[in-house]
Amino acid sequence: MRRGRVVYVGQDGNVEKALRKLKKKIIESRLLVEVREREQYIKPTTARKIKRNAARARWRKHLASQQLPKQLY
């Protein structure tokens, strides 16, 4: 049993608090992200293309933030 994904309900019996802790642990461990990625096979060339396009979009956003605002007449 993996230690990081286990949450025990205390003596007070607060299940809602335990659920919140479990959800937080799952998000921090990136378990759901991995499951979503594995739902469908992506070819390596397609993955590279997606990453390249994302990098281009980030670069365009960076360049746009560096430009002066357009003058409004």
Protein backbone atom coordinates (compact mmCIF):
# COMPACT_ATOMS: atom_id res chain seq x y z
CA MET A 1 0.00 0.00 0.00
CA ARG A 2 1.35 3.40 -0.94
CA ARG A 3 1.63 5.76 1.93
CA GLY A 4 0.94 9.00 0.05
CA ARG A 5 -2.61 8.21 -1.09
CA VAL A 6 -4.12 7.06 2.19
CA VAL A 7 -6.25 9.23 4.45
CA TYR A 8 -7.66 8.01 7.73
CA VAL A 9 -10.86 9.33 9.27
CA GLY A 10 -10.12 10.48 12.79
CA GLN A 11 -11.99 9.88 16.02
CA ASP A 12 -14.30 12.80 15.26
CA GLY A 13 -15.61 10.94 12.18
CA ASN A 14 -15.33 13.95 9.89
CA VAL A 15 -15.56 12.27 6.48
CA GLU A 16 -15.77 15.56 4.57
CA LYS A 17 -12.43 16.67 5.98
CA ALA A 18 -10.87 13.33 5.04
CA LEU A 19 -12.25 13.62 1.49
CA ARG A 20 -10.77 17.10 1.12
CA LYS A 21 -7.38 15.79 2.26
CA LEU A 22 -7.59 12.85 -0.15
CA LYS A 23 -8.48 15.10 -3.09
CA LYS A 24 -5.57 17.38 -2.27
CA LYS A 25 -3.15 14.43 -2.10
CA ILE A 26 -4.37 13.09 -5.44
CA ILE A 27 -3.96 16.49 -7.08
CA GLU A 28 -0.48 16.94 -5.62
CA SER A 29 0.61 13.48 -6.76
CA ARG A 30 -0.62 14.29 -10.32
CA LEU A 31 -2.37 10.92 -10.44
CA LEU A 32 -5.39 12.22 -12.37
CA VAL A 33 -3.17 13.96 -14.92
CA GLU A 34 -1.37 10.69 -15.58
CA VAL A 35 -4.64 8.77 -15.92
CA ARG A 36 -6.00 11.32 -18.40
CA GLU A 37 -2.79 11.14 -20.44
CA ARG A 38 -2.99 7.36 -20.63
CA GLU A 39 -6.61 7.26 -21.75
CA GLN A 40 -5.54 7.67 -25.34
CA TYR A 41 -2.27 6.87 -27.14
CA ILE A 42 -0.53 9.85 -28.69
CA LYS A 43 2.16 9.13 -31.26
CA PRO A 44 5.58 10.58 -30.45
CA THR A 45 5.52 12.84 -33.51
CA THR A 46 2.13 14.22 -32.49
CA ALA A 47 3.36 14.81 -28.93
CA ARG A 48 6.37 16.72 -30.24
CA LYS A 49 4.12 18.77 -32.50
CA ILE A 50 1.82 19.66 -29.59
CA LYS A 51 4.78 20.68 -27.42
CA ARG A 52 6.31 22.73 -30.24
CA ASN A 53 3.03 24.59 -30.85
CA ALA A 54 2.64 25.25 -27.11
CA ALA A 55 6.19 26.66 -26.97
CA ARG A 56 5.45 28.92 -29.95
CA ALA A 57 2.27 30.18 -28.27
CA ARG A 58 4.18 30.90 -25.05
CA TRP A 59 6.84 32.78 -27.02
CA ARG A 60 4.22 34.83 -28.88
CA LYS A 61 2.58 35.67 -25.56
CA HIS A 62 5.96 36.71 -24.14
CA LEU A 63 6.66 38.95 -27.15
CA ALA A 64 3.21 40.51 -26.92
CA SER A 65 3.78 41.37 -23.27
CA GLN A 66 7.07 43.09 -24.16
CA GLN A 67 5.52 45.44 -26.74
CA LEU A 68 4.26 48.88 -25.90
CA PRO A 69 0.48 49.30 -25.98
CA LYS A 70 -1.04 50.69 -29.15
CA GLN A 71 -1.86 54.36 -29.08
CA LEU A 72 -5.54 55.13 -28.91
CA TYR A 73 -6.37 58.30 -30.80
